[in-house]
Amino acid sequence: MRERIVNAALQTLINTGYSNTSVRTIATTGGFSPSLVFYHFGSVDTLLLAALDKVSGQRLARYKDRLRDVSDFRSLAIAIEELYAEDLQLGQLTAVQEIIGAMAFDRVLGIAIVDRLQAWMTYAEQLATRILAGSPLVGLVDPSGIGSAVIALYMGQEIVTRMRAGDSSESTALMSTLIQVAPWIDQLLGKSTSARRGPATNVAIE
């Protein structure tokens, strides 16, 4: 029953947003009595934090699996494009944004959210460290700063998509651009012997 309630909360957030998410709307979405929300979670905020835990845990596991062997920027860009497309299709990132946006400025809930996002911050730092390994930038660039910036950009792209009524074309274009410039970045990191301007040219930069 707890799982059913959490799923209903996520679907309600995706469909109507945080401002229209209440015990009644969640119960209507899930087809159960509103009293069950209080019985299992005590409050809507506790339920939404549980929903955040579920989405965060599932997606982080997926990201770790997909990026397990990634050690250069081009492979990373290709994988991120794939994962971002999954996020858009699932719609769960929308629910996460609704929860974070609505709760972040509540001091107590804000602390709870930061605590839940720490696993992502730690993983992003570890991933940045792996990509930078063996490059001239080791010791010059803070991996934790890169990780934080990547997460902020990623979340921001989803916000822009929603502001554009679901039009993800610019976000998709950004992902494609990252793949195109990846060979130069890898060359800077010492992980590529040449970089190409794109599929239209065969001239390599030595």
N, C-alpha and C. Protein backbone atom coordinates (compact mmCIF):
# COMPACT_ATOMS: atom_id res chain seq x y z
N MET A 1 0.82 -1.20 0.00
CA MET A 1 0.00 0.00 0.00
C MET A 1 0.86 1.26 0.00
N ARG A 2 1.94 1.22 0.77
CA ARG A 2 2.85 2.37 0.78
C ARG A 2 3.39 2.66 -0.62
N GLU A 3 3.76 1.61 -1.33
CA GLU A 3 4.27 1.77 -2.70
C GLU A 3 3.21 2.37 -3.60
N ARG A 4 1.99 1.92 -3.45
CA ARG A 4 0.88 2.44 -4.26
C ARG A 4 0.65 3.92 -3.98
N ILE A 5 0.75 4.31 -2.72
CA ILE A 5 0.55 5.71 -2.35
C ILE A 5 1.68 6.58 -2.92
N VAL A 6 2.92 6.10 -2.82
CA VAL A 6 4.06 6.85 -3.36
C VAL A 6 3.92 7.03 -4.86
N ASN A 7 3.53 5.97 -5.57
CA ASN A 7 3.34 6.06 -7.02
C ASN A 7 2.24 7.05 -7.37
N ALA A 8 1.18 7.07 -6.58
CA ALA A 8 0.09 8.02 -6.82
C ALA A 8 0.56 9.45 -6.60
N ALA A 9 1.40 9.65 -5.59
CA ALA A 9 1.93 10.99 -5.32
C ALA A 9 2.80 11.46 -6.48
N LEU A 10 3.65 10.58 -7.00
CA LEU A 10 4.50 10.94 -8.13
C LEU A 10 3.67 11.29 -9.35
N GLN A 11 2.66 10.49 -9.64
CA GLN A 11 1.83 10.74 -10.81
C GLN A 11 1.06 12.04 -10.66
N THR A 12 0.61 12.34 -9.45
CA THR A 12 -0.11 13.59 -9.21
C THR A 12 0.80 14.79 -9.42
N LEU A 13 2.04 14.70 -8.93
CA LEU A 13 3.00 15.78 -9.13
C LEU A 13 3.26 16.02 -10.61
N ILE A 14 3.41 14.94 -11.36
CA ILE A 14 3.68 15.04 -12.80
C ILE A 14 2.48 15.65 -13.53
N ASN A 15 1.29 15.24 -13.13
CA ASN A 15 0.08 15.67 -13.83
C ASN A 15 -0.36 17.08 -13.47
N THR A 16 -0.25 17.44 -12.19
CA THR A 16 -0.86 18.70 -11.74
C THR A 16 0.09 19.67 -11.06
N GLY A 17 1.32 19.23 -10.74
CA GLY A 17 2.25 20.11 -10.06
C GLY A 17 2.04 20.12 -8.55
N TYR A 18 3.03 20.68 -7.84
CA TYR A 18 3.00 20.67 -6.38
C TYR A 18 1.81 21.43 -5.83
N SER A 19 1.50 22.60 -6.42
CA SER A 19 0.44 23.46 -5.89
C SER A 19 -0.91 22.77 -5.88
N ASN A 20 -1.12 21.80 -6.76
CA ASN A 20 -2.39 21.08 -6.83
C ASN A 20 -2.31 19.67 -6.25
N THR A 21 -1.20 19.39 -5.57
CA THR A 21 -1.03 18.08 -4.97
C THR A 21 -1.45 18.13 -3.50
N SER A 22 -2.45 17.37 -3.17
CA SER A 22 -2.97 17.32 -1.81
C SER A 22 -3.30 15.87 -1.47
N VAL A 23 -3.67 15.63 -0.24
CA VAL A 23 -4.07 14.29 0.15
C VAL A 23 -5.23 13.81 -0.72
N ARG A 24 -6.17 14.73 -0.96
CA ARG A 24 -7.35 14.35 -1.74
C ARG A 24 -6.99 14.01 -3.19
N THR A 25 -6.16 14.86 -3.83
CA THR A 25 -5.82 14.60 -5.23
C THR A 25 -4.96 13.35 -5.38
N ILE A 26 -4.07 13.13 -4.41
CA ILE A 26 -3.25 11.91 -4.44
C ILE A 26 -4.14 10.68 -4.30
N ALA A 27 -5.08 10.74 -3.37
CA ALA A 27 -6.00 9.62 -3.16
C ALA A 27 -6.87 9.37 -4.39
N THR A 28 -7.29 10.45 -5.03
CA THR A 28 -8.10 10.31 -6.24
C THR A 28 -7.29 9.64 -7.35
N THR A 29 -6.04 10.08 -7.50
CA THR A 29 -5.16 9.48 -8.51
C THR A 29 -4.96 7.99 -8.26
N GLY A 30 -4.74 7.64 -7.00
CA GLY A 30 -4.45 6.24 -6.66
C GLY A 30 -5.65 5.37 -6.44
N GLY A 31 -6.83 6.00 -6.28
CA GLY A 31 -8.04 5.23 -6.06
C GLY A 31 -8.11 4.60 -4.68
N PHE A 32 -7.68 5.35 -3.66
CA PHE A 32 -7.75 4.83 -2.29
C PHE A 32 -8.26 5.94 -1.36
N SER A 33 -8.51 5.60 -0.12
CA SER A 33 -9.03 6.55 0.85
C SER A 33 -7.95 7.54 1.29
N PRO A 34 -8.28 8.84 1.39
CA PRO A 34 -7.30 9.84 1.85
C PRO A 34 -6.71 9.50 3.21
N SER A 35 -7.48 8.81 4.05
CA SER A 35 -7.00 8.49 5.39
C SER A 35 -5.77 7.59 5.36
N LEU A 36 -5.60 6.84 4.27
CA LEU A 36 -4.46 5.94 4.17
C LEU A 36 -3.14 6.71 4.05
N VAL A 37 -3.20 7.91 3.48
CA VAL A 37 -1.99 8.73 3.37
C VAL A 37 -1.49 9.08 4.77
N PHE A 38 -2.39 9.51 5.63
CA PHE A 38 -2.01 9.87 7.00
C PHE A 38 -1.61 8.64 7.80
N TYR A 39 -2.27 7.54 7.55
CA TYR A 39 -1.97 6.32 8.29
C TYR A 39 -0.55 5.83 7.99
N HIS A 40 -0.17 5.87 6.72
CA HIS A 40 1.14 5.32 6.32
C HIS A 40 2.28 6.35 6.38
N PHE A 41 1.96 7.65 6.21
CA PHE A 41 3.03 8.65 6.13
C PHE A 41 2.90 9.80 7.13
N GLY A 42 1.73 10.01 7.67
CA GLY A 42 1.56 11.06 8.66
C GLY A 42 1.28 12.44 8.10
N SER A 43 1.92 12.77 6.95
CA SER A 43 1.71 14.08 6.32
C SER A 43 2.07 14.00 4.84
N VAL A 44 1.60 15.00 4.10
CA VAL A 44 1.92 15.05 2.67
C VAL A 44 3.41 15.26 2.46
N ASP A 45 4.03 16.12 3.27
CA ASP A 45 5.47 16.38 3.12
C ASP A 45 6.29 15.11 3.29
N THR A 46 5.95 14.31 4.28
CA THR A 46 6.67 13.05 4.49
C THR A 46 6.48 12.11 3.30
N LEU A 47 5.27 12.11 2.76
CA LEU A 47 4.99 11.28 1.59
C LEU A 47 5.82 11.75 0.40
N LEU A 48 5.90 13.05 0.19
CA LEU A 48 6.63 13.57 -0.97
C LEU A 48 8.14 13.33 -0.83
N LEU A 49 8.64 13.37 0.39
CA LEU A 49 10.05 13.02 0.60
C LEU A 49 10.29 11.55 0.29
N ALA A 50 9.32 10.71 0.62
CA ALA A 50 9.43 9.28 0.28
C ALA A 50 9.41 9.09 -1.23
N ALA A 51 8.60 9.90 -1.91
CA ALA A 51 8.55 9.84 -3.39
C ALA A 51 9.89 10.27 -3.97
N LEU A 52 10.48 11.32 -3.38
CA LEU A 52 11.80 11.78 -3.83
C LEU A 52 12.84 10.69 -3.62
N ASP A 53 12.77 10.01 -2.49
CA ASP A 53 13.70 8.91 -2.21
C ASP A 53 13.61 7.83 -3.29
N LYS A 54 12.38 7.50 -3.67
CA LYS A 54 12.18 6.43 -4.64
C LYS A 54 12.77 6.81 -6.00
N VAL A 55 12.40 7.98 -6.50
CA VAL A 55 12.89 8.40 -7.82
C VAL A 55 14.40 8.55 -7.81
N SER A 56 14.91 9.21 -6.78
CA SER A 56 16.35 9.45 -6.69
C SER A 56 17.13 8.14 -6.66
N GLY A 57 16.66 7.20 -5.86
CA GLY A 57 17.34 5.92 -5.74
C GLY A 57 17.34 5.14 -7.04
N GLN A 58 16.20 5.11 -7.70
CA GLN A 58 16.08 4.36 -8.96
C GLN A 58 16.95 4.96 -10.06
N ARG A 59 16.90 6.29 -10.19
CA ARG A 59 17.65 6.92 -11.27
C ARG A 59 19.15 6.91 -11.00
N LEU A 60 19.54 7.09 -9.74
CA LEU A 60 20.97 7.05 -9.42
C LEU A 60 21.55 5.67 -9.73
N ALA A 61 20.79 4.63 -9.41
CA ALA A 61 21.24 3.27 -9.73
C ALA A 61 21.39 3.09 -11.23
N ARG A 62 20.46 3.64 -11.99
CA ARG A 62 20.53 3.55 -13.46
C ARG A 62 21.74 4.31 -14.00
N TYR A 63 21.98 5.51 -13.47
CA TYR A 63 23.12 6.31 -13.92
C TYR A 63 24.43 5.60 -13.61
N LYS A 64 24.55 5.06 -12.42
CA LYS A 64 25.78 4.36 -12.04
C LYS A 64 26.03 3.16 -12.95
N ASP A 65 24.96 2.45 -13.28
CA ASP A 65 25.11 1.28 -14.15
C ASP A 65 25.53 1.70 -15.56
N ARG A 66 24.88 2.73 -16.10
CA ARG A 66 25.18 3.17 -17.47
C ARG A 66 26.56 3.80 -17.58
N LEU A 67 27.00 4.49 -16.54
CA LEU A 67 28.27 5.22 -16.60
C LEU A 67 29.42 4.46 -15.96
N ARG A 68 29.17 3.20 -15.67
CA ARG A 68 30.15 2.40 -14.93
C ARG A 68 31.55 2.41 -15.57
N ASP A 69 31.62 2.27 -16.88
CA ASP A 69 32.92 2.15 -17.55
C ASP A 69 33.33 3.42 -18.30
N VAL A 70 32.61 4.51 -18.06
CA VAL A 70 32.91 5.77 -18.76
C VAL A 70 34.12 6.45 -18.13
N SER A 71 35.11 6.79 -18.97
CA SER A 71 36.30 7.45 -18.43
C SER A 71 36.79 8.59 -19.33
N ASP A 72 36.06 8.90 -20.39
CA ASP A 72 36.40 10.03 -21.25
C ASP A 72 35.15 10.85 -21.52
N PHE A 73 35.34 12.09 -21.97
CA PHE A 73 34.21 13.01 -22.07
C PHE A 73 33.24 12.62 -23.18
N ARG A 74 33.74 12.09 -24.29
CA ARG A 74 32.84 11.73 -25.39
C ARG A 74 31.89 10.61 -24.96
N SER A 75 32.43 9.60 -24.32
CA SER A 75 31.57 8.52 -23.83
C SER A 75 30.56 9.04 -22.81
N LEU A 76 31.01 9.97 -21.98
CA LEU A 76 30.12 10.57 -20.99
C LEU A 76 29.00 11.34 -21.67
N ALA A 77 29.33 12.14 -22.67
CA ALA A 77 28.31 12.95 -23.36
C ALA A 77 27.27 12.06 -24.04
N ILE A 78 27.72 10.99 -24.67
CA ILE A 78 26.79 10.07 -25.34
C ILE A 78 25.86 9.42 -24.32
N ALA A 79 26.42 9.00 -23.20
CA ALA A 79 25.62 8.35 -22.17
C ALA A 79 24.62 9.32 -21.55
N ILE A 80 25.05 10.56 -21.29
CA ILE A 80 24.17 11.55 -20.69
C ILE A 80 23.01 11.89 -21.62
N GLU A 81 23.29 11.96 -22.92
CA GLU A 81 22.21 12.21 -23.88
C GLU A 81 21.16 11.10 -23.79
N GLU A 82 21.62 9.87 -23.69
CA GLU A 82 20.72 8.72 -23.57
C GLU A 82 19.91 8.77 -22.28
N LEU A 83 20.60 9.06 -21.18
CA LEU A 83 19.94 9.10 -19.88
C LEU A 83 18.96 10.26 -19.77
N TYR A 84 19.31 11.39 -20.36
CA TYR A 84 18.42 12.55 -20.34
C TYR A 84 17.13 12.26 -21.11
N ALA A 85 17.27 11.57 -22.24
CA ALA A 85 16.09 11.18 -23.01
C ALA A 85 15.18 10.26 -22.19
N GLU A 86 15.79 9.37 -21.42
CA GLU A 86 15.02 8.50 -20.54
C GLU A 86 14.27 9.32 -19.49
N ASP A 87 14.97 10.28 -18.90
CA ASP A 87 14.36 11.12 -17.87
C ASP A 87 13.15 11.87 -18.41
N LEU A 88 13.29 12.40 -19.62
CA LEU A 88 12.17 13.12 -20.23
C LEU A 88 10.99 12.20 -20.48
N GLN A 89 11.28 11.00 -20.97
CA GLN A 89 10.21 10.05 -21.27
C GLN A 89 9.49 9.59 -20.00
N LEU A 90 10.25 9.33 -18.94
CA LEU A 90 9.65 8.87 -17.69
C LEU A 90 8.85 9.96 -17.00
N GLY A 91 9.29 11.21 -17.13
CA GLY A 91 8.59 12.32 -16.50
C GLY A 91 8.87 12.48 -15.02
N GLN A 92 9.68 11.59 -14.46
CA GLN A 92 9.92 11.64 -13.02
C GLN A 92 10.75 12.84 -12.60
N LEU A 93 11.58 13.34 -13.52
CA LEU A 93 12.38 14.51 -13.19
C LEU A 93 11.48 15.71 -12.91
N THR A 94 10.32 15.75 -13.57
CA THR A 94 9.35 16.80 -13.32
C THR A 94 8.87 16.74 -11.88
N ALA A 95 8.58 15.53 -11.41
CA ALA A 95 8.14 15.36 -10.03
C ALA A 95 9.22 15.81 -9.05
N VAL A 96 10.46 15.46 -9.35
CA VAL A 96 11.58 15.86 -8.48
C VAL A 96 11.69 17.37 -8.42
N GLN A 97 11.58 18.03 -9.58
CA GLN A 97 11.66 19.49 -9.63
C GLN A 97 10.55 20.13 -8.82
N GLU A 98 9.35 19.57 -8.91
CA GLU A 98 8.22 20.11 -8.16
C GLU A 98 8.47 20.02 -6.66
N ILE A 99 8.98 18.88 -6.22
CA ILE A 99 9.25 18.69 -4.80
C ILE A 99 10.35 19.64 -4.32
N ILE A 100 11.45 19.68 -5.03
CA ILE A 100 12.58 20.52 -4.62
C ILE A 100 12.21 22.00 -4.67
N GLY A 101 11.56 22.40 -5.74
CA GLY A 101 11.19 23.81 -5.89
C GLY A 101 10.25 24.30 -4.80
N ALA A 102 9.34 23.45 -4.38
CA ALA A 102 8.35 23.85 -3.39
C ALA A 102 8.87 23.77 -1.97
N MET A 103 9.79 22.84 -1.71
CA MET A 103 10.22 22.59 -0.34
C MET A 103 11.57 23.21 0.01
N ALA A 104 12.33 23.60 -0.99
CA ALA A 104 13.72 24.01 -0.74
C ALA A 104 13.84 25.20 0.19
N PHE A 105 12.84 26.07 0.22
CA PHE A 105 12.95 27.28 1.03
C PHE A 105 12.32 27.13 2.41
N ASP A 106 11.85 25.93 2.72
CA ASP A 106 11.45 25.60 4.07
C ASP A 106 12.71 25.07 4.77
N ARG A 107 13.11 25.68 5.86
CA ARG A 107 14.41 25.35 6.47
C ARG A 107 14.54 23.87 6.80
N VAL A 108 13.54 23.32 7.45
CA VAL A 108 13.59 21.92 7.85
C VAL A 108 13.55 21.00 6.64
N LEU A 109 12.62 21.27 5.74
CA LEU A 109 12.50 20.42 4.55
C LEU A 109 13.70 20.62 3.63
N GLY A 110 14.23 21.83 3.60
CA GLY A 110 15.40 22.09 2.78
C GLY A 110 16.58 21.23 3.20
N ILE A 111 16.78 21.09 4.51
CA ILE A 111 17.84 20.24 5.03
C ILE A 111 17.62 18.79 4.61
N ALA A 112 16.36 18.35 4.68
CA ALA A 112 16.03 16.98 4.30
C ALA A 112 16.31 16.73 2.82
N ILE A 113 16.02 17.73 1.99
CA ILE A 113 16.25 17.59 0.55
C ILE A 113 17.75 17.55 0.24
N VAL A 114 18.50 18.45 0.86
CA VAL A 114 19.96 18.47 0.65
C VAL A 114 20.56 17.13 1.03
N ASP A 115 20.08 16.58 2.14
CA ASP A 115 20.58 15.28 2.59
C ASP A 115 20.32 14.21 1.54
N ARG A 116 19.16 14.28 0.89
CA ARG A 116 18.80 13.28 -0.11
C ARG A 116 19.56 13.48 -1.42
N LEU A 117 19.97 14.71 -1.70
CA LEU A 117 20.71 14.98 -2.93
C LEU A 117 22.21 14.74 -2.77
N GLN A 118 22.65 14.52 -1.54
CA GLN A 118 24.09 14.35 -1.30
C GLN A 118 24.67 13.16 -2.06
N ALA A 119 23.88 12.10 -2.19
CA ALA A 119 24.37 10.92 -2.92
C ALA A 119 24.67 11.29 -4.38
N TRP A 120 23.83 12.16 -4.97
CA TRP A 120 24.08 12.61 -6.34
C TRP A 120 25.33 13.47 -6.41
N MET A 121 25.49 14.37 -5.44
CA MET A 121 26.65 15.25 -5.43
C MET A 121 27.94 14.44 -5.30
N THR A 122 27.90 13.45 -4.42
CA THR A 122 29.08 12.59 -4.22
C THR A 122 29.41 11.82 -5.49
N TYR A 123 28.38 11.27 -6.14
CA TYR A 123 28.63 10.50 -7.35
C TYR A 123 29.14 11.40 -8.48
N ALA A 124 28.57 12.59 -8.62
CA ALA A 124 29.02 13.52 -9.66
C ALA A 124 30.48 13.88 -9.45
N GLU A 125 30.89 14.06 -8.20
CA GLU A 125 32.29 14.36 -7.90
C GLU A 125 33.18 13.17 -8.26
N GLN A 126 32.75 11.97 -7.94
CA GLN A 126 33.53 10.78 -8.26
C GLN A 126 33.66 10.61 -9.78
N LEU A 127 32.56 10.90 -10.49
CA LEU A 127 32.59 10.77 -11.95
C LEU A 127 33.53 11.81 -12.56
N ALA A 128 33.48 13.04 -12.07
CA ALA A 128 34.37 14.09 -12.56
C ALA A 128 35.83 13.72 -12.29
N THR A 129 36.09 13.15 -11.13
CA THR A 129 37.45 12.72 -10.79
C THR A 129 37.94 11.66 -11.77
N ARG A 130 37.05 10.74 -12.13
CA ARG A 130 37.40 9.68 -13.08
C ARG A 130 37.71 10.25 -14.46
N ILE A 131 36.90 11.22 -14.91
CA ILE A 131 37.11 11.81 -16.23
C ILE A 131 38.41 12.61 -16.27
N LEU A 132 38.72 13.29 -15.18
CA LEU A 132 39.92 14.14 -15.13
C LEU A 132 41.20 13.35 -14.89
N ALA A 133 41.08 12.10 -14.45
CA ALA A 133 42.25 11.30 -14.08
C ALA A 133 43.27 11.24 -15.22
N GLY A 134 44.52 11.52 -14.88
CA GLY A 134 45.61 11.46 -15.86
C GLY A 134 45.73 12.67 -16.75
N SER A 135 44.87 13.68 -16.53
CA SER A 135 44.91 14.88 -17.37
C SER A 135 45.73 15.98 -16.72
N PRO A 136 46.13 17.00 -17.50
CA PRO A 136 46.89 18.12 -16.93
C PRO A 136 46.06 18.95 -15.95
N LEU A 137 44.75 18.72 -15.91
CA LEU A 137 43.89 19.51 -15.05
C LEU A 137 43.78 18.96 -13.63
N VAL A 138 44.34 17.79 -13.42
CA VAL A 138 44.31 17.21 -12.07
C VAL A 138 45.05 18.14 -11.11
N GLY A 139 44.41 18.51 -10.03
CA GLY A 139 45.01 19.41 -9.05
C GLY A 139 44.71 20.87 -9.34
N LEU A 140 44.28 21.17 -10.57
CA LEU A 140 43.94 22.54 -10.94
C LEU A 140 42.43 22.78 -10.91
N VAL A 141 41.67 21.74 -11.12
CA VAL A 141 40.21 21.84 -11.17
C VAL A 141 39.62 21.01 -10.04
N ASP A 142 38.65 21.59 -9.34
CA ASP A 142 38.00 20.91 -8.22
C ASP A 142 36.87 20.03 -8.75
N PRO A 143 36.99 18.71 -8.64
CA PRO A 143 35.94 17.81 -9.14
C PRO A 143 34.58 18.05 -8.50
N SER A 144 34.58 18.44 -7.23
CA SER A 144 33.29 18.68 -6.57
C SER A 144 32.58 19.88 -7.18
N GLY A 145 33.34 20.90 -7.57
CA GLY A 145 32.75 22.06 -8.23
C GLY A 145 32.16 21.70 -9.57
N ILE A 146 32.87 20.86 -10.32
CA ILE A 146 32.37 20.40 -11.61
C ILE A 146 31.09 19.60 -11.41
N GLY A 147 31.10 18.71 -10.43
CA GLY A 147 29.92 17.89 -10.17
C GLY A 147 28.71 18.73 -9.83
N SER A 148 28.90 19.73 -8.99
CA SER A 148 27.79 20.61 -8.61
C SER A 148 27.26 21.39 -9.81
N ALA A 149 28.18 21.87 -10.65
CA ALA A 149 27.78 22.64 -11.82
C ALA A 149 27.00 21.78 -12.80
N VAL A 150 27.42 20.54 -12.97
CA VAL A 150 26.74 19.63 -13.90
C VAL A 150 25.32 19.35 -13.43
N ILE A 151 25.16 19.09 -12.14
CA ILE A 151 23.83 18.82 -11.60
C ILE A 151 22.93 20.04 -11.74
N ALA A 152 23.48 21.23 -11.46
CA ALA A 152 22.71 22.46 -11.59
C ALA A 152 22.27 22.68 -13.04
N LEU A 153 23.18 22.44 -13.98
CA LEU A 153 22.85 22.59 -15.40
C LEU A 153 21.79 21.59 -15.81
N TYR A 154 21.94 20.36 -15.36
CA TYR A 154 21.02 19.29 -15.72
C TYR A 154 19.61 19.61 -15.23
N MET A 155 19.50 20.01 -13.98
CA MET A 155 18.20 20.35 -13.41
C MET A 155 17.63 21.59 -14.09
N GLY A 156 18.50 22.54 -14.40
CA GLY A 156 18.06 23.76 -15.05
C GLY A 156 17.49 23.51 -16.43
N GLN A 157 18.07 22.58 -17.17
CA GLN A 157 17.57 22.25 -18.49
C GLN A 157 16.14 21.73 -18.42
N GLU A 158 15.83 20.96 -17.38
CA GLU A 158 14.48 20.44 -17.24
C GLU A 158 13.50 21.56 -16.95
N ILE A 159 13.94 22.55 -16.15
CA ILE A 159 13.09 23.70 -15.86
C ILE A 159 12.77 24.48 -17.13
N VAL A 160 13.80 24.71 -17.95
CA VAL A 160 13.59 25.43 -19.21
C VAL A 160 12.63 24.68 -20.11
N THR A 161 12.77 23.34 -20.16
CA THR A 161 11.86 22.53 -20.97
C THR A 161 10.42 22.72 -20.53
N ARG A 162 10.19 22.75 -19.23
CA ARG A 162 8.83 22.93 -18.72
C ARG A 162 8.33 24.33 -19.01
N MET A 163 9.20 25.32 -18.93
CA MET A 163 8.81 26.71 -19.24
C MET A 163 8.41 26.84 -20.70
N ARG A 164 8.96 25.97 -21.53
CA ARG A 164 8.64 25.99 -22.96
C ARG A 164 7.55 24.99 -23.30
N ALA A 165 6.71 24.71 -22.31
CA ALA A 165 5.55 23.83 -22.51
C ALA A 165 5.94 22.44 -23.00
N GLY A 166 7.04 21.93 -22.46
CA GLY A 166 7.46 20.57 -22.80
C GLY A 166 8.35 20.48 -24.02
N ASP A 167 8.70 21.61 -24.62
CA ASP A 167 9.58 21.60 -25.79
C ASP A 167 11.02 21.37 -25.34
N SER A 168 11.54 20.19 -25.61
CA SER A 168 12.89 19.83 -25.17
C SER A 168 13.93 19.98 -26.27
N SER A 169 13.57 20.66 -27.37
CA SER A 169 14.47 20.74 -28.52
C SER A 169 15.80 21.41 -28.18
N GLU A 170 15.75 22.48 -27.37
CA GLU A 170 17.00 23.17 -27.03
C GLU A 170 17.87 22.32 -26.13
N SER A 171 17.25 21.61 -25.19
CA SER A 171 18.01 20.72 -24.32
C SER A 171 18.64 19.60 -25.12
N THR A 172 17.89 19.05 -26.07
CA THR A 172 18.40 17.99 -26.92
C THR A 172 19.55 18.50 -27.77
N ALA A 173 19.41 19.73 -28.26
CA ALA A 173 20.47 20.34 -29.08
C ALA A 173 21.74 20.53 -28.25
N LEU A 174 21.57 20.90 -26.98
CA LEU A 174 22.73 21.07 -26.11
C LEU A 174 23.46 19.74 -25.93
N MET A 175 22.71 18.66 -25.73
CA MET A 175 23.33 17.35 -25.58
C MET A 175 24.10 16.97 -26.85
N SER A 176 23.53 17.25 -28.00
CA SER A 176 24.20 16.94 -29.27
C SER A 176 25.47 17.76 -29.43
N THR A 177 25.41 19.03 -29.00
CA THR A 177 26.59 19.90 -29.08
C THR A 177 27.71 19.37 -28.20
N LEU A 178 27.37 18.89 -27.03
CA LEU A 178 28.38 18.34 -26.13
C LEU A 178 29.10 17.15 -26.77
N ILE A 179 28.34 16.33 -27.49
CA ILE A 179 28.95 15.19 -28.18
C ILE A 179 29.89 15.67 -29.28
N GLN A 180 29.49 16.73 -29.98
CA GLN A 180 30.30 17.24 -31.09
C GLN A 180 31.62 17.84 -30.60
N VAL A 181 31.59 18.53 -29.45
CA VAL A 181 32.81 19.17 -28.96
C VAL A 181 33.64 18.23 -28.08
N ALA A 182 33.08 17.07 -27.77
CA ALA A 182 33.76 16.13 -26.87
C ALA A 182 35.17 15.76 -27.32
N PRO A 183 35.43 15.54 -28.62
CA PRO A 183 36.80 15.17 -29.02
C PRO A 183 37.84 16.22 -28.64
N TRP A 184 37.48 17.52 -28.72
CA TRP A 184 38.42 18.57 -28.33
C TRP A 184 38.67 18.55 -26.82
N ILE A 185 37.60 18.33 -26.08
CA ILE A 185 37.75 18.27 -24.63
C ILE A 185 38.62 17.07 -24.23
N ASP A 186 38.39 15.94 -24.89
CA ASP A 186 39.21 14.77 -24.60
C ASP A 186 40.67 15.01 -24.97
N GLN A 187 40.88 15.76 -26.03
CA GLN A 187 42.26 16.06 -26.42
C GLN A 187 42.91 16.95 -25.35
N LEU A 188 42.16 17.90 -24.83
CA LEU A 188 42.67 18.75 -23.76
C LEU A 188 43.01 17.93 -22.52
N LEU A 189 42.21 16.90 -22.28
CA LEU A 189 42.43 16.04 -21.12
C LEU A 189 43.50 14.98 -21.36
N GLY A 190 44.02 14.94 -22.59
CA GLY A 190 45.03 13.96 -22.91
C GLY A 190 44.47 12.57 -23.14
N LYS A 191 43.19 12.50 -23.51
CA LYS A 191 42.55 11.21 -23.71
C LYS A 191 42.18 10.97 -25.16
N SER A 192 42.69 11.83 -26.04
CA SER A 192 42.41 11.66 -27.46
C SER A 192 43.61 12.17 -28.24
N THR A 193 44.01 11.44 -29.28
CA THR A 193 45.16 11.87 -30.08
C THR A 193 44.78 12.87 -31.15
N SER A 194 43.47 12.98 -31.44
CA SER A 194 43.01 13.94 -32.44
C SER A 194 41.59 14.32 -32.16
N ALA A 195 41.18 15.47 -32.69
CA ALA A 195 39.79 15.91 -32.57
C ALA A 195 39.28 16.30 -33.93
N ARG A 196 38.02 16.00 -34.18
CA ARG A 196 37.45 16.32 -35.49
C ARG A 196 36.39 17.39 -35.35
N ARG A 197 36.21 18.15 -36.44
CA ARG A 197 35.22 19.21 -36.42
C ARG A 197 33.81 18.67 -36.51
N GLY A 198 33.66 17.45 -36.95
CA GLY A 198 32.32 16.88 -37.07
C GLY A 198 32.28 15.90 -38.20
N PRO A 199 31.13 15.33 -38.48
CA PRO A 199 31.01 14.31 -39.51
C PRO A 199 31.27 14.81 -40.91
N ALA A 200 31.27 16.14 -41.10
CA ALA A 200 31.41 16.68 -42.46
C ALA A 200 32.87 16.85 -42.87
N THR A 201 33.81 16.67 -41.97
CA THR A 201 35.20 16.87 -42.32
C THR A 201 36.05 15.71 -41.87
N ASN A 202 37.14 15.49 -42.59
CA ASN A 202 38.06 14.41 -42.24
C ASN A 202 39.42 14.98 -41.84
N VAL A 203 39.47 16.30 -41.59
CA VAL A 203 40.73 16.92 -41.26
C VAL A 203 40.92 16.86 -39.74
N ALA A 204 41.99 16.20 -39.31
CA ALA A 204 42.26 16.07 -37.88
C ALA A 204 43.18 17.18 -37.41
N ILE A 205 42.96 17.59 -36.17
CA ILE A 205 43.82 18.61 -35.57
C ILE A 205 44.90 17.87 -34.79
N GLU A 206 46.13 18.08 -35.13
CA GLU A 206 47.24 17.37 -34.46
C GLU A 206 47.56 18.07 -33.15
